[in-house]
């Protein structure tokens, strides 16, 4: 979500469907759009139709982006090795991410908020030392409760005390906080994409935050690349 409390509209459509529509889309997606010529020969969706490219989907979303409250949306196709980004509060059109290390907080991609700058630099340093760090190490990197100095805080329209609390990568307040942290790694080889995911949660199933988080789960699977 893009943090702009004074722009929030109660009648705006839910942003969650932007994710599910991408996952379910085929031949133009769940909204019934006509198939774009860019889709020809692309990967097949679960119902057998050609799946949109990440960029084509975001270009379609951008046509009605003003309907929604502020959001960032990352859309990827691992078999194509493509990751695209769009923010409906940015003047930048949907675009494929360039190679490198990026970060998103509750603002436009790579906005230099203190926690983003710090975590992006730490990730870059970590990857320089070890291109394949354990997923647990990536999770530990993000579970950082340090807050930024007041003179470095952004001004997003909320009270200073809350701005200070939300400046941490791992947020802890009496009434609000980070519930879970997920690390994902995708490695593309010639004919296979290997995916590994790990999650550490501070929600023990009661929908209440319980520190320290002790609920962990992980997944690993391969995806066959089917590009003509």
C-alpha atoms as a PDB file:
ATOM      1  CA  UNK A   1       0.000   0.000   0.000  1.00  0.00           C
ATOM      2  CA  UNK A   2       1.112   3.540  -0.788  1.00  0.00           C
ATOM      3  CA  UNK A   3       0.965   5.630   2.390  1.00  0.00           C
ATOM      4  CA  UNK A   4      -1.261   8.629   1.747  1.00  0.00           C
ATOM      5  CA  UNK A   5      -3.838   8.678   4.553  1.00  0.00           C
ATOM      6  CA  UNK A   6      -5.560  11.848   3.394  1.00  0.00           C
ATOM      7  CA  UNK A   7      -6.215  10.330  -0.047  1.00  0.00           C
ATOM      8  CA  UNK A   8      -7.867   7.125   1.204  1.00  0.00           C
ATOM      9  CA  UNK A   9     -11.344   6.513  -0.161  1.00  0.00           C
ATOM     10  CA  UNK A  10     -13.727   4.121   1.573  1.00  0.00           C
ATOM     11  CA  UNK A  11     -15.554   3.438  -1.697  1.00  0.00           C
ATOM     12  CA  UNK A  12     -12.439   2.423  -3.650  1.00  0.00           C
ATOM     13  CA  UNK A  13     -12.381  -1.171  -4.972  1.00  0.00           C
ATOM     14  CA  UNK A  14     -10.208  -3.658  -3.115  1.00  0.00           C
ATOM     15  CA  UNK A  15      -6.605  -3.833  -4.254  1.00  0.00           C
ATOM     16  CA  UNK A  16      -6.384  -7.548  -3.457  1.00  0.00           C
ATOM     17  CA  UNK A  17      -8.057  -8.497  -6.730  1.00  0.00           C
ATOM     18  CA  UNK A  18      -5.101  -7.022  -8.621  1.00  0.00           C
ATOM     19  CA  UNK A  19      -3.056  -9.953  -7.342  1.00  0.00           C
ATOM     20  CA  UNK A  20      -5.642 -12.682  -7.858  1.00  0.00           C
ATOM     21  CA  UNK A  21      -6.547 -11.368 -11.327  1.00  0.00           C
ATOM     22  CA  UNK A  22      -2.928 -11.687 -12.431  1.00  0.00           C
ATOM     23  CA  UNK A  23      -2.636 -15.235 -11.127  1.00  0.00           C
ATOM     24  CA  UNK A  24      -5.883 -16.259 -12.804  1.00  0.00           C
ATOM     25  CA  UNK A  25      -5.524 -14.238 -15.997  1.00  0.00           C
ATOM     26  CA  UNK A  26      -5.431 -15.809 -19.444  1.00  0.00           C
ATOM     27  CA  UNK A  27      -6.123 -14.347 -22.873  1.00  0.00           C
ATOM     28  CA  UNK A  28      -6.488 -10.862 -21.427  1.00  0.00           C
ATOM     29  CA  UNK A  29      -7.291 -11.818 -17.860  1.00  0.00           C
ATOM     30  CA  UNK A  30     -10.263 -12.128 -15.574  1.00  0.00           C
ATOM     31  CA  UNK A  31     -11.582  -8.720 -16.613  1.00  0.00           C
ATOM     32  CA  UNK A  32     -12.423 -10.050 -20.067  1.00  0.00           C
ATOM     33  CA  UNK A  33     -10.068  -7.840 -22.071  1.00  0.00           C
ATOM     34  CA  UNK A  34      -9.150  -8.903 -25.554  1.00  0.00           C
ATOM     35  CA  UNK A  35      -5.948 -10.788 -26.030  1.00  0.00           C
ATOM     36  CA  UNK A  36      -2.989  -8.564 -26.817  1.00  0.00           C
ATOM     37  CA  UNK A  37      -0.631  -9.413 -29.653  1.00  0.00           C
ATOM     38  CA  UNK A  38       2.129  -9.360 -27.049  1.00  0.00           C
ATOM     39  CA  UNK A  39       0.642 -12.533 -25.588  1.00  0.00           C
ATOM     40  CA  UNK A  40       1.117 -14.654 -28.684  1.00  0.00           C
ATOM     41  CA  UNK A  41       3.317 -17.634 -28.004  1.00  0.00           C
ATOM     42  CA  UNK A  42       3.706 -16.910 -24.299  1.00  0.00           C
ATOM     43  CA  UNK A  43       3.432 -19.326 -21.397  1.00  0.00           C
ATOM     44  CA  UNK A  44       0.147 -21.129 -20.920  1.00  0.00           C
ATOM     45  CA  UNK A  45      -2.158 -20.414 -18.013  1.00  0.00           C
ATOM     46  CA  UNK A  46      -3.838 -23.056 -15.895  1.00  0.00           C
ATOM     47  CA  UNK A  47      -6.832 -23.169 -18.246  1.00  0.00           C
ATOM     48  CA  UNK A  48      -4.652 -23.641 -21.308  1.00  0.00           C
ATOM     49  CA  UNK A  49      -4.820 -20.096 -22.677  1.00  0.00           C
ATOM     50  CA  UNK A  50      -1.809 -17.864 -23.271  1.00  0.00           C
ATOM     51  CA  UNK A  51      -0.829 -15.956 -20.151  1.00  0.00           C
ATOM     52  CA  UNK A  52      -0.198 -12.229 -20.313  1.00  0.00           C
ATOM     53  CA  UNK A  53       3.296 -10.911 -19.862  1.00  0.00           C
ATOM     54  CA  UNK A  54       3.907  -9.049 -16.588  1.00  0.00           C
ATOM     55  CA  UNK A  55       4.281  -5.737 -18.395  1.00  0.00           C
ATOM     56  CA  UNK A  56       1.130  -6.226 -20.492  1.00  0.00           C
ATOM     57  CA  UNK A  57      -0.898  -6.955 -17.372  1.00  0.00           C
ATOM     58  CA  UNK A  58       0.349  -3.863 -15.546  1.00  0.00           C
ATOM     59  CA  UNK A  59      -0.297  -1.692 -18.596  1.00  0.00           C
ATOM     60  CA  UNK A  60      -3.878  -2.921 -18.504  1.00  0.00           C
ATOM     61  CA  UNK A  61      -4.150  -2.261 -14.761  1.00  0.00           C
ATOM     62  CA  UNK A  62      -2.772   1.248 -15.244  1.00  0.00           C
ATOM     63  CA  UNK A  63      -5.724   2.187 -17.465  1.00  0.00           C
ATOM     64  CA  UNK A  64      -7.987   2.096 -14.403  1.00  0.00           C
ATOM     65  CA  UNK A  65      -5.340   2.640 -11.716  1.00  0.00           C
ATOM     66  CA  UNK A  66      -6.961   5.850 -10.463  1.00  0.00           C
ATOM     67  CA  UNK A  67      -9.945   3.825  -9.211  1.00  0.00           C
ATOM     68  CA  UNK A  68      -7.912   2.358  -6.360  1.00  0.00           C
ATOM     69  CA  UNK A  69      -6.313   3.679  -3.229  1.00  0.00           C
ATOM     70  CA  UNK A  70      -2.556   3.948  -3.536  1.00  0.00           C
ATOM     71  CA  UNK A  71      -0.606   0.760  -4.268  1.00  0.00           C
ATOM     72  CA  UNK A  72       2.630  -0.722  -5.565  1.00  0.00           C
ATOM     73  CA  UNK A  73       2.263  -3.894  -7.599  1.00  0.00           C
ATOM     74  CA  UNK A  74       5.068  -6.261  -8.554  1.00  0.00           C
ATOM     75  CA  UNK A  75       4.194  -8.873 -11.171  1.00  0.00           C
ATOM     76  CA  UNK A  76       6.588 -11.622 -12.206  1.00  0.00           C
ATOM     77  CA  UNK A  77       6.845 -14.496 -14.615  1.00  0.00           C
ATOM     78  CA  UNK A  78       9.676 -16.674 -13.409  1.00  0.00           C
ATOM     79  CA  UNK A  79       9.898 -18.805 -16.529  1.00  0.00           C
ATOM     80  CA  UNK A  80      10.412 -15.644 -18.584  1.00  0.00           C
ATOM     81  CA  UNK A  81      12.730 -14.154 -15.947  1.00  0.00           C
ATOM     82  CA  UNK A  82      10.692 -10.946 -15.934  1.00  0.00           C
ATOM     83  CA  UNK A  83       9.609  -8.768 -13.026  1.00  0.00           C
ATOM     84  CA  UNK A  84       7.525  -5.651 -13.642  1.00  0.00           C
ATOM     85  CA  UNK A  85       6.410  -2.832 -11.350  1.00  0.00           C
ATOM     86  CA  UNK A  86       3.647  -0.242 -11.307  1.00  0.00           C
ATOM     87  CA  UNK A  87       2.527   2.339  -8.755  1.00  0.00           C
ATOM     88  CA  UNK A  88      -0.744   4.176  -9.278  1.00  0.00           C
ATOM     89  CA  UNK A  89       0.613   7.201  -7.404  1.00  0.00           C
ATOM     90  CA  UNK A  90       3.677   7.564  -9.617  1.00  0.00           C
ATOM     91  CA  UNK A  91       4.123   9.447 -12.871  1.00  0.00           C
ATOM     92  CA  UNK A  92       6.226   6.532 -14.129  1.00  0.00           C
ATOM     93  CA  UNK A  93       4.520   4.101 -16.496  1.00  0.00           C
ATOM     94  CA  UNK A  94       4.609   0.345 -15.763  1.00  0.00           C
ATOM     95  CA  UNK A  95       8.110  -0.961 -16.425  1.00  0.00           C
ATOM     96  CA  UNK A  96      10.290  -4.036 -16.188  1.00  0.00           C
ATOM     97  CA  UNK A  97      12.716  -3.871 -13.291  1.00  0.00           C
ATOM     98  CA  UNK A  98      16.329  -3.413 -14.264  1.00  0.00           C
ATOM     99  CA  UNK A  99      18.926  -5.882 -12.914  1.00  0.00           C
ATOM    100  CA  UNK A 100      20.198  -4.908  -9.493  1.00  0.00           C
ATOM    101  CA  UNK A 101      19.019  -4.463  -5.923  1.00  0.00           C
ATOM    102  CA  UNK A 102      15.724  -2.642  -5.382  1.00  0.00           C
ATOM    103  CA  UNK A 103      13.431  -1.848  -2.500  1.00  0.00           C
ATOM    104  CA  UNK A 104       9.831  -0.845  -1.881  1.00  0.00           C
ATOM    105  CA  UNK A 105       8.306   0.595   1.244  1.00  0.00           C
ATOM    106  CA  UNK A 106       4.986   2.468   1.342  1.00  0.00           C
ATOM    107  CA  UNK A 107       6.068   4.809  -1.435  1.00  0.00           C
ATOM    108  CA  UNK A 108       7.312   4.641  -5.030  1.00  0.00           C
ATOM    109  CA  UNK A 109       9.958   2.041  -5.907  1.00  0.00           C
ATOM    110  CA  UNK A 110      13.379   2.895  -4.421  1.00  0.00           C
ATOM    111  CA  UNK A 111      12.150   6.015  -2.593  1.00  0.00           C
ATOM    112  CA  UNK A 112      15.079   6.673  -0.216  1.00  0.00           C
ATOM    113  CA  UNK A 113      13.337   6.246   3.116  1.00  0.00           C
ATOM    114  CA  UNK A 114      15.924   5.414   5.816  1.00  0.00           C
ATOM    115  CA  UNK A 115      14.885   1.785   6.335  1.00  0.00           C
ATOM    116  CA  UNK A 116      14.812   1.114   2.598  1.00  0.00           C
ATOM    117  CA  UNK A 117      18.252   2.621   2.023  1.00  0.00           C
ATOM    118  CA  UNK A 118      19.698   0.667   4.966  1.00  0.00           C
ATOM    119  CA  UNK A 119      18.132  -2.687   4.062  1.00  0.00           C
ATOM    120  CA  UNK A 120      18.909  -2.389   0.368  1.00  0.00           C
ATOM    121  CA  UNK A 121      22.553  -1.702   1.182  1.00  0.00           C
ATOM    122  CA  UNK A 122      22.693  -4.599   3.652  1.00  0.00           C
ATOM    123  CA  UNK A 123      21.159  -6.945   1.091  1.00  0.00           C
ATOM    124  CA  UNK A 124      23.614  -5.815  -1.564  1.00  0.00           C
ATOM    125  CA  UNK A 125      26.542  -6.410   0.792  1.00  0.00           C
ATOM    126  CA  UNK A 126      25.189  -9.818   1.787  1.00  0.00           C
ATOM    127  CA  UNK A 127      24.786 -10.901  -1.839  1.00  0.00           C
ATOM    128  CA  UNK A 128      28.307  -9.747  -2.648  1.00  0.00           C
ATOM    129  CA  UNK A 129      29.641 -12.054   0.043  1.00  0.00           C
ATOM    130  CA  UNK A 130      27.294 -14.924  -0.744  1.00  0.00           C
ATOM    131  CA  UNK A 131      25.088 -14.906  -3.887  1.00  0.00           C
ATOM    132  CA  UNK A 132      22.973 -17.717  -2.365  1.00  0.00           C
ATOM    133  CA  UNK A 133      22.493 -16.834   1.312  1.00  0.00           C
ATOM    134  CA  UNK A 134      20.226 -19.044   3.437  1.00  0.00           C
ATOM    135  CA  UNK A 135      16.643 -17.812   3.407  1.00  0.00           C
ATOM    136  CA  UNK A 136      16.771 -17.617   7.193  1.00  0.00           C
ATOM    137  CA  UNK A 137      19.559 -15.066   6.877  1.00  0.00           C
ATOM    138  CA  UNK A 138      17.390 -12.914   4.611  1.00  0.00           C
ATOM    139  CA  UNK A 139      14.556 -13.084   7.132  1.00  0.00           C
ATOM    140  CA  UNK A 140      16.879 -12.091   9.970  1.00  0.00           C
ATOM    141  CA  UNK A 141      18.050  -9.126   7.905  1.00  0.00           C
ATOM    142  CA  UNK A 142      14.490  -7.801   7.672  1.00  0.00           C
ATOM    143  CA  UNK A 143      13.553  -8.319  11.324  1.00  0.00           C
ATOM    144  CA  UNK A 144      15.262  -5.106  12.376  1.00  0.00           C
ATOM    145  CA  UNK A 145      13.343  -2.945  14.908  1.00  0.00           C
ATOM    146  CA  UNK A 146      15.648   0.102  14.728  1.00  0.00           C
ATOM    147  CA  UNK A 147      13.847   3.379  14.044  1.00  0.00           C
ATOM    148  CA  UNK A 148      15.236   6.282  12.051  1.00  0.00           C
ATOM    149  CA  UNK A 149      16.366   9.592  13.585  1.00  0.00           C
ATOM    150  CA  UNK A 150      13.628  12.210  13.533  1.00  0.00           C
ATOM    151  CA  UNK A 151      15.518  14.441  11.095  1.00  0.00           C
ATOM    152  CA  UNK A 152      15.545  11.608   8.516  1.00  0.00           C
ATOM    153  CA  UNK A 153      11.861  10.701   8.723  1.00  0.00           C
ATOM    154  CA  UNK A 154       9.642  11.188   5.681  1.00  0.00           C
ATOM    155  CA  UNK A 155       6.509  13.314   5.982  1.00  0.00           C
ATOM    156  CA  UNK A 156       3.592  11.156   4.875  1.00  0.00           C
ATOM    157  CA  UNK A 157       0.723  12.870   6.670  1.00  0.00           C
ATOM    158  CA  UNK A 158       0.757  10.931   9.949  1.00  0.00           C
ATOM    159  CA  UNK A 159       1.760  11.985  13.469  1.00  0.00           C
ATOM    160  CA  UNK A 160       5.474  12.166  14.269  1.00  0.00           C
ATOM    161  CA  UNK A 161       5.265   9.391  16.871  1.00  0.00           C
ATOM    162  CA  UNK A 162       3.679   7.019  14.350  1.00  0.00           C
ATOM    163  CA  UNK A 163       6.047   8.116  11.574  1.00  0.00           C
ATOM    164  CA  UNK A 164       8.893   7.218  13.924  1.00  0.00           C
ATOM    165  CA  UNK A 165       7.464   3.765  14.736  1.00  0.00           C
ATOM    166  CA  UNK A 166       6.815   2.948  11.080  1.00  0.00           C
ATOM    167  CA  UNK A 167      10.373   3.875  10.112  1.00  0.00           C
ATOM    168  CA  UNK A 168      11.555   0.479  11.371  1.00  0.00           C
ATOM    169  CA  UNK A 169      11.867  -2.422   8.948  1.00  0.00           C
ATOM    170  CA  UNK A 170      10.308  -4.595  11.672  1.00  0.00           C
ATOM    171  CA  UNK A 171       7.522  -2.577  13.312  1.00  0.00           C
ATOM    172  CA  UNK A 172       6.667  -2.978  16.979  1.00  0.00           C
ATOM    173  CA  UNK A 173       4.012  -0.907  18.744  1.00  0.00           C
ATOM    174  CA  UNK A 174       1.440  -1.902  21.395  1.00  0.00           C
ATOM    175  CA  UNK A 175      -1.415  -1.909  18.888  1.00  0.00           C
ATOM    176  CA  UNK A 176       0.297  -2.577  15.548  1.00  0.00           C
ATOM    177  CA  UNK A 177       3.310  -4.426  14.247  1.00  0.00           C
ATOM    178  CA  UNK A 178       4.916  -6.692  11.689  1.00  0.00           C
ATOM    179  CA  UNK A 179       3.143 -10.060  11.662  1.00  0.00           C
ATOM    180  CA  UNK A 180       5.470 -12.052   9.439  1.00  0.00           C
ATOM    181  CA  UNK A 181       8.501 -12.007   7.202  1.00  0.00           C
ATOM    182  CA  UNK A 182       8.915 -13.983   3.985  1.00  0.00           C
ATOM    183  CA  UNK A 183      12.037 -14.670   1.932  1.00  0.00           C
ATOM    184  CA  UNK A 184      11.831 -15.942  -1.629  1.00  0.00           C
ATOM    185  CA  UNK A 185      14.619 -17.011  -3.962  1.00  0.00           C
ATOM    186  CA  UNK A 186      14.240 -17.858  -7.653  1.00  0.00           C
ATOM    187  CA  UNK A 187      17.102 -19.406  -9.594  1.00  0.00           C
ATOM    188  CA  UNK A 188      16.688 -19.829 -13.361  1.00  0.00           C
ATOM    189  CA  UNK A 189      18.634 -22.498 -15.194  1.00  0.00           C
ATOM    190  CA  UNK A 190      18.440 -23.542 -18.841  1.00  0.00           C
ATOM    191  CA  UNK A 191      15.258 -25.622 -18.604  1.00  0.00           C
ATOM    192  CA  UNK A 192      14.163 -25.270 -14.993  1.00  0.00           C
ATOM    193  CA  UNK A 193      13.330 -22.555 -12.469  1.00  0.00           C
ATOM    194  CA  UNK A 194      13.960 -23.449  -8.834  1.00  0.00           C
ATOM    195  CA  UNK A 195      11.876 -21.645  -6.231  1.00  0.00           C
ATOM    196  CA  UNK A 196      12.448 -21.611  -2.464  1.00  0.00           C
ATOM    197  CA  UNK A 197      10.246 -19.782   0.046  1.00  0.00           C
ATOM    198  CA  UNK A 198      10.561 -19.425   3.813  1.00  0.00           C
ATOM    199  CA  UNK A 199       8.269 -17.620   6.236  1.00  0.00           C
ATOM    200  CA  UNK A 200       8.584 -16.706   9.895  1.00  0.00           C
ATOM    201  CA  UNK A 201       5.376 -15.525  11.515  1.00  0.00           C
ATOM    202  CA  UNK A 202       4.579 -13.779  14.775  1.00  0.00           C
ATOM    203  CA  UNK A 203       0.941 -14.818  14.520  1.00  0.00           C
ATOM    204  CA  UNK A 204       0.445 -18.152  16.256  1.00  0.00           C
ATOM    205  CA  UNK A 205      -2.950 -18.670  14.650  1.00  0.00           C
ATOM    206  CA  UNK A 206      -4.899 -16.531  17.120  1.00  0.00           C
ATOM    207  CA  UNK A 207      -4.647 -13.457  14.854  1.00  0.00           C
ATOM    208  CA  UNK A 208      -2.677 -11.753  17.593  1.00  0.00           C
ATOM    209  CA  UNK A 209       0.986 -10.879  17.523  1.00  0.00           C
ATOM    210  CA  UNK A 210       3.076 -13.148  19.746  1.00  0.00           C
ATOM    211  CA  UNK A 211       6.748 -12.246  20.198  1.00  0.00           C
ATOM    212  CA  UNK A 212       9.116 -13.707  19.384  1.00  0.00           C
ATOM    213  CA  UNK A 213       7.764 -15.306  16.242  1.00  0.00           C
ATOM    214  CA  UNK A 214       8.165 -19.064  16.374  1.00  0.00           C
ATOM    215  CA  UNK A 215       5.890 -20.235  13.569  1.00  0.00           C
ATOM    216  CA  UNK A 216       7.999 -21.174  10.575  1.00  0.00           C
ATOM    217  CA  UNK A 217       7.304 -22.946   7.309  1.00  0.00           C
ATOM    218  CA  UNK A 218       9.109 -23.387   4.017  1.00  0.00           C
ATOM    219  CA  UNK A 219       8.469 -24.606   0.495  1.00  0.00           C
ATOM    220  CA  UNK A 220      10.679 -25.567  -2.441  1.00  0.00           C
ATOM    221  CA  UNK A 221       9.697 -26.625  -5.934  1.00  0.00           C
ATOM    222  CA  UNK A 222      10.791 -26.519  -9.562  1.00  0.00           C
ATOM    223  CA  UNK A 223       8.980 -25.035 -12.555  1.00  0.00           C
ATOM    224  CA  UNK A 224       9.715 -26.227 -16.059  1.00  0.00           C
ATOM    225  CA  UNK A 225      10.439 -23.430 -18.489  1.00  0.00           C
ATOM    226  CA  UNK A 226       8.176 -23.638 -21.546  1.00  0.00           C
ATOM    227  CA  UNK A 227       9.286 -20.827 -23.784  1.00  0.00           C
ATOM    228  CA  UNK A 228       9.133 -21.360 -27.545  1.00  0.00           C
END
